[in-house]
Amino acid sequence: KQPKHAKPDEVHIEWEMNNPIEPDFKGFAISRSD
């Protein structure tokens, strides 16, 4: 989803996934670039 600058020192990041999740699912990684 569109990230939000919710507080002066915080950017809130949210995302969605379809169900069901794959049985071999391991986890999420968050990355940033300019």
All heavy atoms as atom14 arrays in JSON, in Angstrom:
{
  "sequence": "KQPKHAKPDEVHIEWEMNNPIEPDFKGFAISRSD",
  "atom14_mask": [
    [1, 1, 1, 1, 1, 1, 1, 1, 1, 0, 0, 0, 0, 0],
    [1, 1, 1, 1, 1, 1, 1, 1, 1, 0, 0, 0, 0, 0],
    [1, 1, 1, 1, 1, 1, 1, 0, 0, 0, 0, 0, 0, 0],
    [1, 1, 1, 1, 1, 1, 1, 1, 1, 0, 0, 0, 0, 0],
    [1, 1, 1, 1, 1, 1, 1, 1, 1, 1, 0, 0, 0, 0],
    [1, 1, 1, 1, 1, 0, 0, 0, 0, 0, 0, 0, 0, 0],
    [1, 1, 1, 1, 1, 1, 1, 1, 1, 0, 0, 0, 0, 0],
    [1, 1, 1, 1, 1, 1, 1, 0, 0, 0, 0, 0, 0, 0],
    [1, 1, 1, 1, 1, 1, 1, 1, 0, 0, 0, 0, 0, 0],
    [1, 1, 1, 1, 1, 1, 1, 1, 1, 0, 0, 0, 0, 0],
    [1, 1, 1, 1, 1, 1, 1, 0, 0, 0, 0, 0, 0, 0],
    [1, 1, 1, 1, 1, 1, 1, 1, 1, 1, 0, 0, 0, 0],
    [1, 1, 1, 1, 1, 1, 1, 1, 0, 0, 0, 0, 0, 0],
    [1, 1, 1, 1, 1, 1, 1, 1, 1, 0, 0, 0, 0, 0],
    [1, 1, 1, 1, 1, 1, 1, 1, 1, 1, 1, 1, 1, 1],
    [1, 1, 1, 1, 1, 1, 1, 1, 1, 0, 0, 0, 0, 0],
    [1, 1, 1, 1, 1, 1, 1, 1, 0, 0, 0, 0, 0, 0],
    [1, 1, 1, 1, 1, 1, 1, 1, 0, 0, 0, 0, 0, 0],
    [1, 1, 1, 1, 1, 1, 1, 1, 0, 0, 0, 0, 0, 0],
    [1, 1, 1, 1, 1, 1, 1, 0, 0, 0, 0, 0, 0, 0],
    [1, 1, 1, 1, 1, 1, 1, 1, 0, 0, 0, 0, 0, 0],
    [1, 1, 1, 1, 1, 1, 1, 1, 1, 0, 0, 0, 0, 0],
    [1, 1, 1, 1, 1, 1, 1, 0, 0, 0, 0, 0, 0, 0],
    [1, 1, 1, 1, 1, 1, 1, 1, 0, 0, 0, 0, 0, 0],
    [1, 1, 1, 1, 1, 1, 1, 1, 1, 1, 1, 0, 0, 0],
    [1, 1, 1, 1, 1, 1, 1, 1, 1, 0, 0, 0, 0, 0],
    [1, 1, 1, 1, 0, 0, 0, 0, 0, 0, 0, 0, 0, 0],
    [1, 1, 1, 1, 1, 1, 1, 1, 1, 1, 1, 0, 0, 0],
    [1, 1, 1, 1, 1, 0, 0, 0, 0, 0, 0, 0, 0, 0],
    [1, 1, 1, 1, 1, 1, 1, 1, 0, 0, 0, 0, 0, 0],
    [1, 1, 1, 1, 1, 1, 0, 0, 0, 0, 0, 0, 0, 0],
    [1, 1, 1, 1, 1, 1, 1, 1, 1, 1, 1, 0, 0, 0],
    [1, 1, 1, 1, 1, 1, 0, 0, 0, 0, 0, 0, 0, 0],
    [1, 1, 1, 1, 1, 1, 1, 1, 0, 0, 0, 0, 0, 0]
  ],
  "atom14_positions": [
    [[0.84, -1.19, 0.0], [0.0, 0.0, 0.0], [0.88, 1.25, 0.0], [2.09, 1.17, 0.17], [-0.92, 0.0, 1.23], [-1.89, -1.18, 1.29], [-2.75, -1.09, 2.54], [-3.73, -2.25, 2.62], [-4.57, -2.16, 3.85], [0.0, 0.0, 0.0], [0.0, 0.0, 0.0], [0.0, 0.0, 0.0], [0.0, 0.0, 0.0], [0.0, 0.0, 0.0]],
    [[0.26, 2.41, -0.18], [0.99, 3.67, -0.17], [1.58, 3.91, 1.23], [0.85, 4.04, 2.21], [0.07, 4.83, -0.53], [0.72, 6.19, -0.48], [1.79, 6.37, -1.54], [1.55, 6.13, -2.7], [2.97, 6.77, -1.11], [0.0, 0.0, 0.0], [0.0, 0.0, 0.0], [0.0, 0.0, 0.0], [0.0, 0.0, 0.0], [0.0, 0.0, 0.0]],
    [[2.93, 3.95, 1.36], [3.52, 4.26, 2.67], [3.13, 5.65, 3.14], [2.91, 6.56, 2.33], [5.03, 4.15, 2.4], [5.15, 3.32, 1.18], [3.95, 3.64, 0.35], [0.0, 0.0, 0.0], [0.0, 0.0, 0.0], [0.0, 0.0, 0.0], [0.0, 0.0, 0.0], [0.0, 0.0, 0.0], [0.0, 0.0, 0.0], [0.0, 0.0, 0.0]],
    [[3.04, 5.85, 4.47], [2.59, 7.12, 5.03], [3.61, 7.66, 6.01], [4.14, 6.91, 6.85], [1.24, 6.94, 5.72], [0.11, 6.53, 4.79], [-1.19, 6.37, 5.55], [-2.33, 5.96, 4.61], [-3.61, 5.78, 5.36], [0.0, 0.0, 0.0], [0.0, 0.0, 0.0], [0.0, 0.0, 0.0], [0.0, 0.0, 0.0], [0.0, 0.0, 0.0]],
    [[3.85, 8.96, 5.92], [4.71, 9.65, 6.89], [3.8, 10.03, 8.07], [3.35, 11.17, 8.21], [5.34, 10.88, 6.24], [6.4, 11.51, 7.08], [6.95, 12.74, 6.79], [7.04, 11.09, 8.21], [7.86, 13.05, 7.69], [7.93, 12.06, 8.56], [0.0, 0.0, 0.0], [0.0, 0.0, 0.0], [0.0, 0.0, 0.0], [0.0, 0.0, 0.0]],
    [[3.55, 9.05, 8.93], [2.54, 9.21, 9.97], [3.0, 10.12, 11.1], [2.2, 10.87, 11.68], [2.16, 7.84, 10.54], [0.0, 0.0, 0.0], [0.0, 0.0, 0.0], [0.0, 0.0, 0.0], [0.0, 0.0, 0.0], [0.0, 0.0, 0.0], [0.0, 0.0, 0.0], [0.0, 0.0, 0.0], [0.0, 0.0, 0.0], [0.0, 0.0, 0.0]],
    [[4.29, 10.06, 11.44], [4.86, 10.89, 12.49], [6.15, 11.5, 11.96], [6.71, 11.0, 10.97], [5.12, 10.07, 13.74], [3.87, 9.51, 14.4], [4.21, 8.74, 15.67], [2.94, 8.19, 16.33], [3.26, 7.43, 17.57], [0.0, 0.0, 0.0], [0.0, 0.0, 0.0], [0.0, 0.0, 0.0], [0.0, 0.0, 0.0], [0.0, 0.0, 0.0]],
    [[6.65, 12.57, 12.61], [7.87, 13.21, 12.09], [9.02, 12.23, 11.89], [9.83, 12.41, 10.97], [8.19, 14.26, 13.16], [6.85, 14.59, 13.76], [6.08, 13.31, 13.75], [0.0, 0.0, 0.0], [0.0, 0.0, 0.0], [0.0, 0.0, 0.0], [0.0, 0.0, 0.0], [0.0, 0.0, 0.0], [0.0, 0.0, 0.0], [0.0, 0.0, 0.0]],
    [[9.12, 11.2, 12.75], [10.25, 10.27, 12.65], [9.81, 8.86, 12.28], [10.56, 7.9, 12.48], [11.03, 10.24, 13.97], [10.16, 9.77, 15.14], [8.93, 9.79, 14.99], [10.74, 9.4, 16.18], [0.0, 0.0, 0.0], [0.0, 0.0, 0.0], [0.0, 0.0, 0.0], [0.0, 0.0, 0.0], [0.0, 0.0, 0.0], [0.0, 0.0, 0.0]],
    [[8.6, 8.7, 11.73], [8.11, 7.37, 11.4], [7.42, 7.34, 10.04], [6.61, 8.22, 9.72], [7.1, 6.88, 12.46], [7.7, 6.58, 13.82], [6.67, 6.04, 14.79], [5.48, 5.87, 14.4], [7.04, 5.78, 15.94], [0.0, 0.0, 0.0], [0.0, 0.0, 0.0], [0.0, 0.0, 0.0], [0.0, 0.0, 0.0], [0.0, 0.0, 0.0]],
    [[7.77, 6.31, 9.27], [7.04, 6.0, 8.04], [6.39, 4.64, 8.24], [7.07, 3.65, 8.54], [7.98, 5.98, 6.81], [7.25, 5.44, 5.59], [8.52, 7.36, 6.52], [0.0, 0.0, 0.0], [0.0, 0.0, 0.0], [0.0, 0.0, 0.0], [0.0, 0.0, 0.0], [0.0, 0.0, 0.0], [0.0, 0.0, 0.0], [0.0, 0.0, 0.0]],
    [[5.08, 4.57, 8.07], [4.34, 3.34, 8.28], [4.15, 2.62, 6.94], [3.68, 3.21, 5.96], [2.98, 3.63, 8.9], [3.09, 4.11, 10.32], [2.0, 4.24, 11.17], [4.17, 4.48, 11.07], [2.4, 4.68, 12.34], [3.71, 4.83, 12.3], [0.0, 0.0, 0.0], [0.0, 0.0, 0.0], [0.0, 0.0, 0.0], [0.0, 0.0, 0.0]],
    [[4.51, 1.33, 6.92], [4.46, 0.51, 5.71], [3.49, -0.64, 5.95], [3.62, -1.37, 6.95], [5.86, -0.03, 5.35], [6.84, 1.14, 5.21], [5.83, -0.86, 4.08], [8.28, 0.71, 5.28], [0.0, 0.0, 0.0], [0.0, 0.0, 0.0], [0.0, 0.0, 0.0], [0.0, 0.0, 0.0], [0.0, 0.0, 0.0], [0.0, 0.0, 0.0]],
    [[2.52, -0.82, 5.03], [1.55, -1.91, 5.14], [1.45, -2.63, 3.81], [1.63, -2.03, 2.75], [0.17, -1.37, 5.55], [0.12, -0.77, 6.94], [-1.29, -0.41, 7.35], [-2.24, -1.0, 6.77], [-1.46, 0.45, 8.23], [0.0, 0.0, 0.0], [0.0, 0.0, 0.0], [0.0, 0.0, 0.0], [0.0, 0.0, 0.0], [0.0, 0.0, 0.0]],
    [[1.13, -3.92, 3.88], [0.97, -4.72, 2.66], [-0.09, -5.79, 2.89], [-0.49, -6.07, 4.02], [2.29, -5.35, 2.23], [2.89, -6.31, 3.23], [2.75, -7.65, 3.28], [3.72, -5.96, 4.35], [3.43, -8.19, 4.34], [4.05, -7.17, 5.01], [4.22, -4.77, 4.87], [4.85, -7.2, 6.15], [5.02, -4.79, 5.99], [5.33, -6.0, 6.62]],
    [[-0.51, -6.41, 1.8], [-1.54, -7.45, 1.86], [-1.04, -8.7, 1.15], [-0.19, -8.63, 0.25], [-2.84, -6.97, 1.19], [-3.52, -5.82, 1.91], [-4.78, -5.37, 1.19], [-5.04, -5.89, 0.08], [-5.5, -4.52, 1.73], [0.0, 0.0, 0.0], [0.0, 0.0, 0.0], [0.0, 0.0, 0.0], [0.0, 0.0, 0.0], [0.0, 0.0, 0.0]],
    [[-1.61, -9.87, 1.55], [-1.31, -11.16, 0.92], [-2.63, -11.9, 0.71], [-3.55, -11.8, 1.53], [-0.38, -11.99, 1.78], [1.0, -11.4, 2.0], [2.06, -11.49, 0.54], [2.45, -13.24, 0.52], [0.0, 0.0, 0.0], [0.0, 0.0, 0.0], [0.0, 0.0, 0.0], [0.0, 0.0, 0.0], [0.0, 0.0, 0.0], [0.0, 0.0, 0.0]],
    [[-2.69, -12.67, -0.36], [-3.86, -13.52, -0.58], [-3.77, -14.76, 0.28], [-2.69, -15.29, 0.55], [-3.96, -13.92, -2.05], [-4.22, -12.73, -2.96], [-4.92, -11.8, -2.57], [-3.66, -12.77, -4.15], [0.0, 0.0, 0.0], [0.0, 0.0, 0.0], [0.0, 0.0, 0.0], [0.0, 0.0, 0.0], [0.0, 0.0, 0.0], [0.0, 0.0, 0.0]],
    [[-4.9, -15.26, 0.7], [-4.95, -16.5, 1.47], [-5.29, -17.66, 0.55], [-6.04, -17.49, -0.41], [-5.98, -16.39, 2.6], [-5.51, -15.43, 3.69], [-4.34, -15.43, 4.05], [-6.44, -14.61, 4.19], [0.0, 0.0, 0.0], [0.0, 0.0, 0.0], [0.0, 0.0, 0.0], [0.0, 0.0, 0.0], [0.0, 0.0, 0.0], [0.0, 0.0, 0.0]],
    [[-4.8, -18.86, 0.78], [-3.91, -19.18, 1.92], [-2.44, -18.89, 1.58], [-2.06, -18.83, 0.42], [-4.13, -20.67, 2.11], [-4.43, -21.16, 0.72], [-5.18, -20.07, 0.03], [0.0, 0.0, 0.0], [0.0, 0.0, 0.0], [0.0, 0.0, 0.0], [0.0, 0.0, 0.0], [0.0, 0.0, 0.0], [0.0, 0.0, 0.0], [0.0, 0.0, 0.0]],
    [[-1.59, -18.77, 2.6], [-0.16, -18.61, 2.43], [0.47, -19.97, 2.12], [0.05, -21.0, 2.68], [0.47, -18.0, 3.7], [-0.16, -16.63, 3.99], [1.97, -17.87, 3.57], [0.13, -15.6, 2.94], [0.0, 0.0, 0.0], [0.0, 0.0, 0.0], [0.0, 0.0, 0.0], [0.0, 0.0, 0.0], [0.0, 0.0, 0.0], [0.0, 0.0, 0.0]],
    [[1.48, -20.01, 1.26], [2.13, -21.27, 0.89], [2.68, -21.96, 2.13], [3.2, -21.3, 3.05], [3.27, -21.01, -0.11], [2.82, -20.52, -1.47], [2.61, -19.02, -1.54], [2.61, -18.39, -0.47], [2.44, -18.49, -2.66], [0.0, 0.0, 0.0], [0.0, 0.0, 0.0], [0.0, 0.0, 0.0], [0.0, 0.0, 0.0], [0.0, 0.0, 0.0]],
    [[2.62, -23.28, 2.17], [3.09, -24.01, 3.36], [4.6, -23.84, 3.61], [5.04, -23.99, 4.75], [2.73, -25.47, 3.06], [2.53, -25.53, 1.57], [2.03, -24.19, 1.16], [0.0, 0.0, 0.0], [0.0, 0.0, 0.0], [0.0, 0.0, 0.0], [0.0, 0.0, 0.0], [0.0, 0.0, 0.0], [0.0, 0.0, 0.0], [0.0, 0.0, 0.0]],
    [[5.38, -23.57, 2.54], [6.83, -23.41, 2.73], [7.22, -21.94, 2.87], [8.38, -21.57, 2.69], [7.6, -24.05, 1.57], [7.28, -23.4, 0.23], [6.26, -22.69, 0.14], [8.07, -23.6, -0.73], [0.0, 0.0, 0.0], [0.0, 0.0, 0.0], [0.0, 0.0, 0.0], [0.0, 0.0, 0.0], [0.0, 0.0, 0.0], [0.0, 0.0, 0.0]],
    [[6.23, -21.06, 3.19], [6.51, -19.63, 3.32], [7.43, -19.4, 4.52], [7.24, -19.99, 5.59], [5.2, -18.86, 3.48], [5.36, -17.38, 3.31], [5.29, -16.8, 2.06], [5.61, -16.56, 4.4], [5.45, -15.44, 1.89], [5.77, -15.2, 4.25], [5.69, -14.63, 2.99], [0.0, 0.0, 0.0], [0.0, 0.0, 0.0], [0.0, 0.0, 0.0]],
    [[8.42, -18.48, 4.34], [9.43, -18.27, 5.37], [9.27, -16.93, 6.08], [9.42, -16.84, 7.3], [10.81, -18.37, 4.73], [11.98, -18.38, 5.7], [13.27, -18.61, 4.91], [14.48, -18.65, 5.82], [15.74, -18.84, 5.04], [0.0, 0.0, 0.0], [0.0, 0.0, 0.0], [0.0, 0.0, 0.0], [0.0, 0.0, 0.0], [0.0, 0.0, 0.0]],
    [[9.03, -15.83, 5.33], [8.89, -14.53, 5.98], [9.01, -13.39, 5.0], [9.09, -13.58, 3.78], [0.0, 0.0, 0.0], [0.0, 0.0, 0.0], [0.0, 0.0, 0.0], [0.0, 0.0, 0.0], [0.0, 0.0, 0.0], [0.0, 0.0, 0.0], [0.0, 0.0, 0.0], [0.0, 0.0, 0.0], [0.0, 0.0, 0.0], [0.0, 0.0, 0.0]],
    [[9.05, -12.13, 5.57], [9.09, -10.92, 4.76], [10.37, -10.14, 5.02], [10.89, -10.12, 6.15], [7.88, -10.02, 5.08], [6.56, -10.61, 4.73], [5.77, -11.22, 5.71], [6.1, -10.58, 3.42], [4.54, -11.76, 5.38], [4.86, -11.12, 3.09], [4.09, -11.72, 4.08], [0.0, 0.0, 0.0], [0.0, 0.0, 0.0], [0.0, 0.0, 0.0]],
    [[10.87, -9.47, 3.95], [12.02, -8.57, 4.06], [11.59, -7.21, 3.52], [10.91, -7.13, 2.48], [13.21, -9.1, 3.27], [0.0, 0.0, 0.0], [0.0, 0.0, 0.0], [0.0, 0.0, 0.0], [0.0, 0.0, 0.0], [0.0, 0.0, 0.0], [0.0, 0.0, 0.0], [0.0, 0.0, 0.0], [0.0, 0.0, 0.0], [0.0, 0.0, 0.0]],
    [[11.98, -6.12, 4.21], [11.63, -4.75, 3.81], [12.91, -4.06, 3.33], [13.93, -4.08, 4.04], [10.99, -3.96, 4.97], [9.94, -4.81, 5.69], [10.4, -2.66, 4.46], [8.78, -5.23, 4.83], [0.0, 0.0, 0.0], [0.0, 0.0, 0.0], [0.0, 0.0, 0.0], [0.0, 0.0, 0.0], [0.0, 0.0, 0.0], [0.0, 0.0, 0.0]],
    [[12.85, -3.43, 2.14], [14.02, -2.75, 1.57], [13.65, -1.33, 1.2], [12.48, -1.01, 0.98], [14.53, -3.49, 0.33], [14.86, -4.82, 0.65], [0.0, 0.0, 0.0], [0.0, 0.0, 0.0], [0.0, 0.0, 0.0], [0.0, 0.0, 0.0], [0.0, 0.0, 0.0], [0.0, 0.0, 0.0], [0.0, 0.0, 0.0], [0.0, 0.0, 0.0]],
    [[14.69, -0.48, 1.11], [14.48, 0.94, 0.78], [15.58, 1.41, -0.17], [16.72, 0.96, -0.11], [14.5, 1.78, 2.05], [14.11, 3.24, 1.84], [14.22, 4.07, 3.11], [15.59, 4.15, 3.56], [16.0, 3.89, 4.8], [15.1, 3.56, 5.72], [17.27, 3.97, 5.14], [0.0, 0.0, 0.0], [0.0, 0.0, 0.0], [0.0, 0.0, 0.0]],
    [[15.2, 2.37, -1.06], [16.16, 2.98, -2.0], [15.73, 4.41, -2.26], [14.59, 4.8, -1.98], [16.2, 2.19, -3.31], [17.04, 2.84, -4.26], [0.0, 0.0, 0.0], [0.0, 0.0, 0.0], [0.0, 0.0, 0.0], [0.0, 0.0, 0.0], [0.0, 0.0, 0.0], [0.0, 0.0, 0.0], [0.0, 0.0, 0.0], [0.0, 0.0, 0.0]],
    [[16.67, 5.21, -2.81], [16.33, 6.6, -3.16], [15.83, 6.7, -4.6], [15.5, 7.8, -5.06], [17.53, 7.51, -2.95], [18.71, 7.13, -3.83], [18.71, 6.0, -4.37], [19.64, 7.94, -3.98], [0.0, 0.0, 0.0], [0.0, 0.0, 0.0], [0.0, 0.0, 0.0], [0.0, 0.0, 0.0], [0.0, 0.0, 0.0], [0.0, 0.0, 0.0]]
  ]
}
